[in-house]
Amino acid sequence: MSKKEKLAAAKEKSLGLFGEFKEFVKRGNVLDMAVGVVIGGAFGAIVTSLVNDIIMPLVSLATGGLDFTNWFVALDGKTYATIEEAQAAGAATLNYGNLISVVLNFLIVAFCIFMVVKAMNKFMKKKEEVKEEEPPKKPDDIVLLEQIRDLLKRK
């Protein structure tokens, strides 16, 4: 182990938990992650509104007034018109309609993320293509050697 490695190991031991956290925060990944979480939360709220306020009413209209949120099974064996009635009566319920809504919400979020990633990949590919179109400049000594070679071929 070199002297530099020993110093680094000693520094790491002396930092303790707070010091390690401080080093972690300095890397910059924490800020990127925090921004991602905040944007993700906002995006989730937008998608939830899209599902609840636009898509589900359209699905309900297309299916003749079908409302997924009132799809449930009361476990006490009785029949209730709504989940609220069943819960007011103290009955345990399996709310599979809510599950359908959440799965639909997930699929929409996944599709939106897929479209964003696809657009970013397309943008990055175009950026790479632009870079590839420019031929790399040859060093001056190679250009000079090629000129000498061409002159010798002519003789």
N, C-alpha and C. Protein backbone atom coordinates (compact mmCIF):
# COMPACT_ATOMS: atom_id res chain seq x y z
N MET A 1 0.85 -1.17 0.00
CA MET A 1 0.00 0.00 0.00
C MET A 1 0.90 1.24 0.00
N SER A 2 0.64 2.12 -0.94
CA SER A 2 1.46 3.32 -1.06
C SER A 2 1.10 4.32 0.05
N LYS A 3 1.96 5.32 0.20
CA LYS A 3 1.74 6.34 1.22
C LYS A 3 0.45 7.10 0.96
N LYS A 4 0.17 7.37 -0.32
CA LYS A 4 -1.04 8.10 -0.71
C LYS A 4 -2.29 7.30 -0.34
N GLU A 5 -2.25 5.99 -0.60
CA GLU A 5 -3.39 5.13 -0.27
C GLU A 5 -3.61 5.06 1.23
N LYS A 6 -2.49 5.00 2.01
CA LYS A 6 -2.60 4.95 3.46
C LYS A 6 -3.22 6.23 4.00
N LEU A 7 -2.84 7.38 3.43
CA LEU A 7 -3.42 8.66 3.85
C LEU A 7 -4.91 8.72 3.54
N ALA A 8 -5.29 8.23 2.37
CA ALA A 8 -6.71 8.22 1.99
C ALA A 8 -7.51 7.32 2.93
N ALA A 9 -6.96 6.16 3.28
CA ALA A 9 -7.65 5.24 4.19
C ALA A 9 -7.78 5.86 5.58
N ALA A 10 -6.73 6.52 6.04
CA ALA A 10 -6.77 7.16 7.35
C ALA A 10 -7.78 8.30 7.36
N LYS A 11 -7.85 9.06 6.27
CA LYS A 11 -8.80 10.16 6.17
C LYS A 11 -10.22 9.62 6.21
N GLU A 12 -10.47 8.52 5.50
CA GLU A 12 -11.80 7.93 5.46
C GLU A 12 -12.22 7.45 6.84
N LYS A 13 -11.29 6.85 7.59
CA LYS A 13 -11.60 6.39 8.94
C LYS A 13 -11.90 7.56 9.87
N SER A 14 -11.18 8.64 9.70
CA SER A 14 -11.33 9.78 10.60
C SER A 14 -12.60 10.58 10.31
N LEU A 15 -13.18 10.45 9.13
CA LEU A 15 -14.35 11.23 8.78
C LEU A 15 -15.57 10.86 9.62
N GLY A 16 -15.75 9.61 9.90
CA GLY A 16 -16.93 9.18 10.63
C GLY A 16 -18.16 9.28 9.76
N LEU A 17 -19.30 9.06 10.38
CA LEU A 17 -20.56 9.05 9.65
C LEU A 17 -20.88 10.42 9.06
N PHE A 18 -20.72 11.48 9.84
CA PHE A 18 -21.02 12.82 9.35
C PHE A 18 -20.10 13.20 8.19
N GLY A 19 -18.82 12.86 8.32
CA GLY A 19 -17.87 13.18 7.27
C GLY A 19 -18.17 12.43 5.99
N GLU A 20 -18.55 11.17 6.12
CA GLU A 20 -18.91 10.39 4.93
C GLU A 20 -20.13 11.00 4.25
N PHE A 21 -21.12 11.41 5.08
CA PHE A 21 -22.31 12.04 4.51
C PHE A 21 -21.94 13.33 3.80
N LYS A 22 -21.06 14.11 4.40
CA LYS A 22 -20.62 15.36 3.80
C LYS A 22 -19.95 15.10 2.44
N GLU A 23 -19.11 14.08 2.36
CA GLU A 23 -18.46 13.72 1.10
C GLU A 23 -19.49 13.28 0.07
N PHE A 24 -20.48 12.53 0.52
CA PHE A 24 -21.54 12.06 -0.36
C PHE A 24 -22.31 13.23 -0.95
N VAL A 25 -22.65 14.20 -0.12
CA VAL A 25 -23.41 15.36 -0.57
C VAL A 25 -22.58 16.20 -1.53
N LYS A 26 -21.29 16.29 -1.33
CA LYS A 26 -20.42 17.09 -2.19
C LYS A 26 -20.35 16.55 -3.61
N ARG A 27 -20.61 15.30 -3.79
CA ARG A 27 -20.52 14.71 -5.13
C ARG A 27 -21.52 15.29 -6.11
N GLY A 28 -22.60 15.83 -5.64
CA GLY A 28 -23.58 16.44 -6.53
C GLY A 28 -24.72 15.50 -6.90
N ASN A 29 -24.60 14.22 -6.64
CA ASN A 29 -25.65 13.27 -6.98
C ASN A 29 -26.91 13.52 -6.16
N VAL A 30 -26.74 14.00 -4.94
CA VAL A 30 -27.88 14.21 -4.06
C VAL A 30 -28.78 15.30 -4.63
N LEU A 31 -28.20 16.36 -5.11
CA LEU A 31 -29.00 17.45 -5.69
C LEU A 31 -29.75 16.96 -6.92
N ASP A 32 -29.08 16.21 -7.78
CA ASP A 32 -29.74 15.67 -8.98
C ASP A 32 -30.91 14.77 -8.58
N MET A 33 -30.68 13.94 -7.56
CA MET A 33 -31.71 13.03 -7.10
C MET A 33 -32.89 13.81 -6.52
N ALA A 34 -32.61 14.86 -5.74
CA ALA A 34 -33.68 15.67 -5.14
C ALA A 34 -34.52 16.34 -6.22
N VAL A 35 -33.87 16.88 -7.23
CA VAL A 35 -34.60 17.51 -8.33
C VAL A 35 -35.47 16.46 -9.04
N GLY A 36 -34.93 15.28 -9.25
CA GLY A 36 -35.69 14.21 -9.89
C GLY A 36 -36.92 13.82 -9.08
N VAL A 37 -36.77 13.75 -7.76
CA VAL A 37 -37.90 13.37 -6.90
C VAL A 37 -38.99 14.44 -6.95
N VAL A 38 -38.59 15.72 -6.90
CA VAL A 38 -39.58 16.80 -6.93
C VAL A 38 -40.31 16.81 -8.27
N ILE A 39 -39.55 16.71 -9.36
CA ILE A 39 -40.18 16.70 -10.68
C ILE A 39 -41.05 15.46 -10.85
N GLY A 40 -40.57 14.33 -10.35
CA GLY A 40 -41.36 13.10 -10.43
C GLY A 40 -42.67 13.21 -9.68
N GLY A 41 -42.64 13.85 -8.50
CA GLY A 41 -43.87 14.05 -7.74
C GLY A 41 -44.85 14.94 -8.48
N ALA A 42 -44.34 16.01 -9.06
CA ALA A 42 -45.20 16.91 -9.83
C ALA A 42 -45.76 16.20 -11.05
N PHE A 43 -44.91 15.42 -11.71
CA PHE A 43 -45.35 14.68 -12.89
C PHE A 43 -46.42 13.67 -12.52
N GLY A 44 -46.24 13.02 -11.35
CA GLY A 44 -47.24 12.06 -10.87
C GLY A 44 -48.58 12.72 -10.63
N ALA A 45 -48.55 13.93 -10.09
CA ALA A 45 -49.81 14.66 -9.86
C ALA A 45 -50.49 15.00 -11.17
N ILE A 46 -49.70 15.37 -12.17
CA ILE A 46 -50.27 15.69 -13.48
C ILE A 46 -50.91 14.46 -14.10
N VAL A 47 -50.21 13.34 -14.02
CA VAL A 47 -50.74 12.10 -14.61
C VAL A 47 -51.98 11.64 -13.85
N THR A 48 -51.96 11.77 -12.53
CA THR A 48 -53.14 11.39 -11.75
C THR A 48 -54.35 12.22 -12.17
N SER A 49 -54.14 13.50 -12.35
CA SER A 49 -55.23 14.36 -12.81
C SER A 49 -55.68 13.96 -14.21
N LEU A 50 -54.72 13.66 -15.08
CA LEU A 50 -55.05 13.23 -16.45
C LEU A 50 -55.92 11.99 -16.42
N VAL A 51 -55.54 11.02 -15.58
CA VAL A 51 -56.30 9.78 -15.49
C VAL A 51 -57.68 10.02 -14.89
N ASN A 52 -57.71 10.69 -13.73
CA ASN A 52 -58.99 10.86 -13.01
C ASN A 52 -59.94 11.83 -13.69
N ASP A 53 -59.40 12.89 -14.28
CA ASP A 53 -60.25 13.96 -14.80
C ASP A 53 -60.54 13.87 -16.29
N ILE A 54 -59.73 13.14 -17.05
CA ILE A 54 -59.93 13.10 -18.50
C ILE A 54 -60.12 11.67 -19.00
N ILE A 55 -59.18 10.80 -18.71
CA ILE A 55 -59.24 9.45 -19.30
C ILE A 55 -60.36 8.61 -18.70
N MET A 56 -60.47 8.57 -17.37
CA MET A 56 -61.50 7.73 -16.76
C MET A 56 -62.92 8.19 -17.12
N PRO A 57 -63.20 9.50 -17.17
CA PRO A 57 -64.55 9.88 -17.64
C PRO A 57 -64.81 9.46 -19.08
N LEU A 58 -63.78 9.52 -19.94
CA LEU A 58 -63.96 9.07 -21.32
C LEU A 58 -64.19 7.57 -21.38
N VAL A 59 -63.45 6.81 -20.55
CA VAL A 59 -63.66 5.36 -20.50
C VAL A 59 -65.06 5.07 -19.98
N SER A 60 -65.49 5.82 -18.98
CA SER A 60 -66.83 5.65 -18.43
C SER A 60 -67.90 5.96 -19.48
N LEU A 61 -67.67 7.03 -20.25
CA LEU A 61 -68.61 7.39 -21.31
C LEU A 61 -68.66 6.31 -22.39
N ALA A 62 -67.50 5.80 -22.76
CA ALA A 62 -67.43 4.77 -23.81
C ALA A 62 -68.04 3.44 -23.35
N THR A 63 -68.01 3.18 -22.06
CA THR A 63 -68.53 1.91 -21.55
C THR A 63 -69.93 2.06 -20.96
N GLY A 64 -70.57 3.20 -21.22
CA GLY A 64 -71.94 3.37 -20.78
C GLY A 64 -72.06 3.75 -19.31
N GLY A 65 -71.18 4.59 -18.83
CA GLY A 65 -71.28 5.05 -17.44
C GLY A 65 -70.58 4.16 -16.44
N LEU A 66 -69.70 3.33 -16.91
CA LEU A 66 -68.96 2.42 -16.03
C LEU A 66 -67.99 3.20 -15.17
N ASP A 67 -68.04 2.97 -13.85
CA ASP A 67 -67.16 3.67 -12.92
C ASP A 67 -66.32 2.63 -12.18
N PHE A 68 -65.01 2.63 -12.46
CA PHE A 68 -64.12 1.64 -11.85
C PHE A 68 -64.05 1.79 -10.33
N THR A 69 -64.19 3.00 -9.83
CA THR A 69 -64.00 3.22 -8.40
C THR A 69 -65.07 2.52 -7.56
N ASN A 70 -66.21 2.19 -8.15
CA ASN A 70 -67.25 1.47 -7.40
C ASN A 70 -67.25 -0.02 -7.70
N TRP A 71 -66.19 -0.53 -8.21
CA TRP A 71 -66.05 -1.97 -8.39
C TRP A 71 -65.41 -2.51 -7.13
N PHE A 72 -66.17 -3.28 -6.38
CA PHE A 72 -65.66 -3.83 -5.12
C PHE A 72 -66.46 -5.07 -4.75
N VAL A 73 -65.93 -5.80 -3.82
CA VAL A 73 -66.62 -6.96 -3.27
C VAL A 73 -66.66 -6.78 -1.76
N ALA A 74 -67.86 -6.80 -1.19
CA ALA A 74 -68.00 -6.73 0.26
C ALA A 74 -67.75 -8.13 0.82
N LEU A 75 -66.86 -8.22 1.79
CA LEU A 75 -66.48 -9.52 2.33
C LEU A 75 -67.47 -10.06 3.37
N ASP A 76 -68.48 -9.26 3.72
CA ASP A 76 -69.48 -9.76 4.67
C ASP A 76 -70.62 -10.48 3.96
N GLY A 77 -70.56 -10.54 2.62
CA GLY A 77 -71.57 -11.27 1.85
C GLY A 77 -72.79 -10.45 1.47
N LYS A 78 -72.89 -9.25 1.97
CA LYS A 78 -74.04 -8.40 1.64
C LYS A 78 -73.73 -7.57 0.40
N THR A 79 -74.77 -6.97 -0.16
CA THR A 79 -74.62 -6.13 -1.36
C THR A 79 -74.81 -4.67 -0.98
N TYR A 80 -73.88 -3.84 -1.45
CA TYR A 80 -73.93 -2.40 -1.19
C TYR A 80 -73.81 -1.68 -2.53
N ALA A 81 -74.44 -0.51 -2.63
CA ALA A 81 -74.43 0.26 -3.87
C ALA A 81 -73.07 0.92 -4.11
N THR A 82 -72.44 1.38 -3.05
CA THR A 82 -71.15 2.05 -3.18
C THR A 82 -70.19 1.56 -2.11
N ILE A 83 -68.93 1.86 -2.32
CA ILE A 83 -67.90 1.52 -1.33
C ILE A 83 -68.17 2.25 -0.03
N GLU A 84 -68.60 3.51 -0.13
CA GLU A 84 -68.87 4.31 1.06
C GLU A 84 -69.94 3.67 1.93
N GLU A 85 -71.00 3.13 1.30
CA GLU A 85 -72.06 2.46 2.05
C GLU A 85 -71.52 1.23 2.77
N ALA A 86 -70.70 0.48 2.07
CA ALA A 86 -70.13 -0.74 2.66
C ALA A 86 -69.22 -0.38 3.83
N GLN A 87 -68.40 0.65 3.67
CA GLN A 87 -67.50 1.04 4.74
C GLN A 87 -68.26 1.65 5.91
N ALA A 88 -69.34 2.39 5.63
CA ALA A 88 -70.18 2.94 6.71
C ALA A 88 -70.83 1.83 7.51
N ALA A 89 -71.14 0.72 6.84
CA ALA A 89 -71.74 -0.43 7.52
C ALA A 89 -70.67 -1.26 8.25
N GLY A 90 -69.42 -0.89 8.08
CA GLY A 90 -68.34 -1.61 8.77
C GLY A 90 -67.88 -2.85 8.04
N ALA A 91 -68.26 -3.01 6.79
CA ALA A 91 -67.88 -4.20 6.03
C ALA A 91 -66.49 -4.02 5.42
N ALA A 92 -65.70 -5.06 5.49
CA ALA A 92 -64.40 -5.05 4.80
C ALA A 92 -64.67 -5.26 3.31
N THR A 93 -63.90 -4.56 2.48
CA THR A 93 -64.13 -4.64 1.04
C THR A 93 -62.83 -4.89 0.29
N LEU A 94 -62.95 -5.58 -0.82
CA LEU A 94 -61.85 -5.71 -1.79
C LEU A 94 -62.16 -4.73 -2.91
N ASN A 95 -61.37 -3.68 -3.01
CA ASN A 95 -61.63 -2.60 -3.96
C ASN A 95 -60.81 -2.80 -5.23
N TYR A 96 -61.19 -3.76 -6.03
CA TYR A 96 -60.42 -4.05 -7.24
C TYR A 96 -60.58 -2.97 -8.31
N GLY A 97 -61.62 -2.18 -8.23
CA GLY A 97 -61.78 -1.06 -9.17
C GLY A 97 -60.70 -0.02 -8.96
N ASN A 98 -60.34 0.24 -7.71
CA ASN A 98 -59.24 1.16 -7.43
C ASN A 98 -57.93 0.61 -7.98
N LEU A 99 -57.75 -0.70 -7.88
CA LEU A 99 -56.55 -1.33 -8.43
C LEU A 99 -56.48 -1.11 -9.94
N ILE A 100 -57.61 -1.26 -10.61
CA ILE A 100 -57.64 -1.03 -12.07
C ILE A 100 -57.23 0.40 -12.37
N SER A 101 -57.74 1.36 -11.59
CA SER A 101 -57.38 2.76 -11.80
C SER A 101 -55.90 3.00 -11.59
N VAL A 102 -55.34 2.39 -10.55
CA VAL A 102 -53.91 2.57 -10.25
C VAL A 102 -53.05 1.93 -11.34
N VAL A 103 -53.46 0.76 -11.82
CA VAL A 103 -52.71 0.11 -12.90
C VAL A 103 -52.77 0.96 -14.17
N LEU A 104 -53.93 1.50 -14.47
CA LEU A 104 -54.06 2.38 -15.63
C LEU A 104 -53.18 3.62 -15.46
N ASN A 105 -53.17 4.18 -14.28
CA ASN A 105 -52.33 5.32 -13.97
C ASN A 105 -50.86 4.96 -14.19
N PHE A 106 -50.44 3.80 -13.71
CA PHE A 106 -49.06 3.35 -13.89
C PHE A 106 -48.71 3.20 -15.37
N LEU A 107 -49.61 2.61 -16.14
CA LEU A 107 -49.35 2.42 -17.57
C LEU A 107 -49.21 3.75 -18.29
N ILE A 108 -50.00 4.73 -17.90
CA ILE A 108 -49.89 6.04 -18.53
C ILE A 108 -48.57 6.70 -18.16
N VAL A 109 -48.18 6.62 -16.88
CA VAL A 109 -46.90 7.18 -16.45
C VAL A 109 -45.75 6.49 -17.18
N ALA A 110 -45.80 5.17 -17.25
CA ALA A 110 -44.74 4.43 -17.94
C ALA A 110 -44.67 4.82 -19.41
N PHE A 111 -45.82 4.98 -20.05
CA PHE A 111 -45.83 5.38 -21.46
C PHE A 111 -45.26 6.78 -21.64
N CYS A 112 -45.62 7.69 -20.75
CA CYS A 112 -45.09 9.06 -20.83
C CYS A 112 -43.58 9.07 -20.65
N ILE A 113 -43.09 8.33 -19.68
CA ILE A 113 -41.64 8.25 -19.46
C ILE A 113 -40.96 7.63 -20.67
N PHE A 114 -41.57 6.60 -21.22
CA PHE A 114 -41.02 5.97 -22.42
C PHE A 114 -40.90 6.98 -23.56
N MET A 115 -41.94 7.81 -23.74
CA MET A 115 -41.91 8.80 -24.82
C MET A 115 -40.82 9.86 -24.57
N VAL A 116 -40.65 10.27 -23.31
CA VAL A 116 -39.60 11.25 -22.99
C VAL A 116 -38.23 10.65 -23.25
N VAL A 117 -38.00 9.42 -22.81
CA VAL A 117 -36.71 8.76 -23.04
C VAL A 117 -36.47 8.55 -24.52
N LYS A 118 -37.52 8.18 -25.25
CA LYS A 118 -37.38 7.98 -26.69
C LYS A 118 -36.99 9.29 -27.38
N ALA A 119 -37.61 10.39 -26.98
CA ALA A 119 -37.28 11.70 -27.56
C ALA A 119 -35.85 12.09 -27.21
N MET A 120 -35.43 11.84 -25.99
CA MET A 120 -34.06 12.16 -25.57
C MET A 120 -33.05 11.31 -26.36
N ASN A 121 -33.35 10.03 -26.54
CA ASN A 121 -32.46 9.17 -27.31
C ASN A 121 -32.35 9.64 -28.76
N LYS A 122 -33.47 10.07 -29.32
CA LYS A 122 -33.46 10.58 -30.69
C LYS A 122 -32.61 11.84 -30.78
N PHE A 123 -32.76 12.74 -29.79
CA PHE A 123 -31.97 13.96 -29.75
C PHE A 123 -30.49 13.64 -29.61
N MET A 124 -30.17 12.70 -28.72
CA MET A 124 -28.76 12.35 -28.49
C MET A 124 -28.17 11.68 -29.74
N LYS A 125 -28.98 10.87 -30.45
CA LYS A 125 -28.50 10.21 -31.66
C LYS A 125 -28.19 11.24 -32.74
N LYS A 126 -29.06 12.24 -32.89
CA LYS A 126 -28.80 13.29 -33.88
C LYS A 126 -27.54 14.06 -33.52
N LYS A 127 -27.34 14.30 -32.25
CA LYS A 127 -26.16 15.01 -31.79
C LYS A 127 -24.89 14.20 -32.11
N GLU A 128 -24.97 12.88 -31.92
CA GLU A 128 -23.83 12.02 -32.23
C GLU A 128 -23.58 11.97 -33.73
N GLU A 129 -24.65 11.95 -34.54
CA GLU A 129 -24.50 11.92 -35.99
C GLU A 129 -23.79 13.17 -36.49
N VAL A 130 -24.11 14.31 -35.91
CA VAL A 130 -23.45 15.56 -36.30
C VAL A 130 -21.97 15.48 -36.00
N LYS A 131 -21.64 14.91 -34.87
CA LYS A 131 -20.23 14.78 -34.51
C LYS A 131 -19.51 13.81 -35.45
N GLU A 132 -20.17 12.73 -35.86
CA GLU A 132 -19.55 11.74 -36.72
C GLU A 132 -19.32 12.26 -38.13
N GLU A 133 -20.12 13.20 -38.58
CA GLU A 133 -19.99 13.72 -39.94
C GLU A 133 -18.70 14.51 -40.12
N GLU A 134 -18.19 15.12 -39.09
CA GLU A 134 -16.96 15.89 -39.18
C GLU A 134 -15.78 14.92 -39.17
N PRO A 135 -15.00 14.89 -40.25
CA PRO A 135 -13.84 14.00 -40.25
C PRO A 135 -12.79 14.55 -39.28
N PRO A 136 -12.14 13.65 -38.57
CA PRO A 136 -11.13 14.13 -37.63
C PRO A 136 -9.94 14.73 -38.39
N LYS A 137 -9.43 15.81 -37.88
CA LYS A 137 -8.30 16.49 -38.51
C LYS A 137 -7.04 15.68 -38.25
N LYS A 138 -6.29 15.45 -39.32
CA LYS A 138 -5.06 14.68 -39.19
C LYS A 138 -3.96 15.57 -38.62
N PRO A 139 -3.08 14.99 -37.84
CA PRO A 139 -1.94 15.77 -37.34
C PRO A 139 -1.06 16.25 -38.51
N ASP A 140 -0.39 17.37 -38.29
CA ASP A 140 0.43 17.96 -39.34
C ASP A 140 1.53 17.02 -39.84
N ASP A 141 2.12 16.25 -38.93
CA ASP A 141 3.20 15.36 -39.36
C ASP A 141 2.68 14.25 -40.28
N ILE A 142 1.43 13.78 -40.04
CA ILE A 142 0.85 12.76 -40.92
C ILE A 142 0.56 13.36 -42.29
N VAL A 143 0.03 14.57 -42.32
CA VAL A 143 -0.25 15.25 -43.59
C VAL A 143 1.05 15.41 -44.38
N LEU A 144 2.10 15.83 -43.70
CA LEU A 144 3.40 16.00 -44.36
C LEU A 144 3.92 14.68 -44.90
N LEU A 145 3.81 13.62 -44.13
CA LEU A 145 4.26 12.30 -44.59
C LEU A 145 3.45 11.83 -45.80
N GLU A 146 2.14 12.09 -45.80
CA GLU A 146 1.32 11.71 -46.94
C GLU A 146 1.73 12.49 -48.20
N GLN A 147 2.04 13.75 -48.04
CA GLN A 147 2.50 14.55 -49.18
C GLN A 147 3.81 14.01 -49.73
N ILE A 148 4.73 13.64 -48.84
CA ILE A 148 6.01 13.06 -49.28
C ILE A 148 5.75 11.74 -50.00
N ARG A 149 4.87 10.91 -49.47
CA ARG A 149 4.54 9.64 -50.10
C ARG A 149 3.99 9.87 -51.51
N ASP A 150 3.07 10.82 -51.64
CA ASP A 150 2.47 11.10 -52.94
C ASP A 150 3.51 11.60 -53.94
N LEU A 151 4.43 12.43 -53.48
CA LEU A 151 5.52 12.92 -54.36
C LEU A 151 6.40 11.77 -54.81
N LEU A 152 6.72 10.86 -53.91
CA LEU A 152 7.58 9.73 -54.27
C LEU A 152 6.87 8.78 -55.25
N LYS A 153 5.53 8.63 -55.12
CA LYS A 153 4.78 7.79 -56.04
C LYS A 153 4.84 8.34 -57.47
N ARG A 154 4.84 9.67 -57.60
CA ARG A 154 4.86 10.28 -58.92
C ARG A 154 6.20 10.07 -59.61
N LYS A 155 7.29 9.94 -58.89
CA LYS A 155 8.63 9.80 -59.49
C LYS A 155 8.86 8.42 -59.92
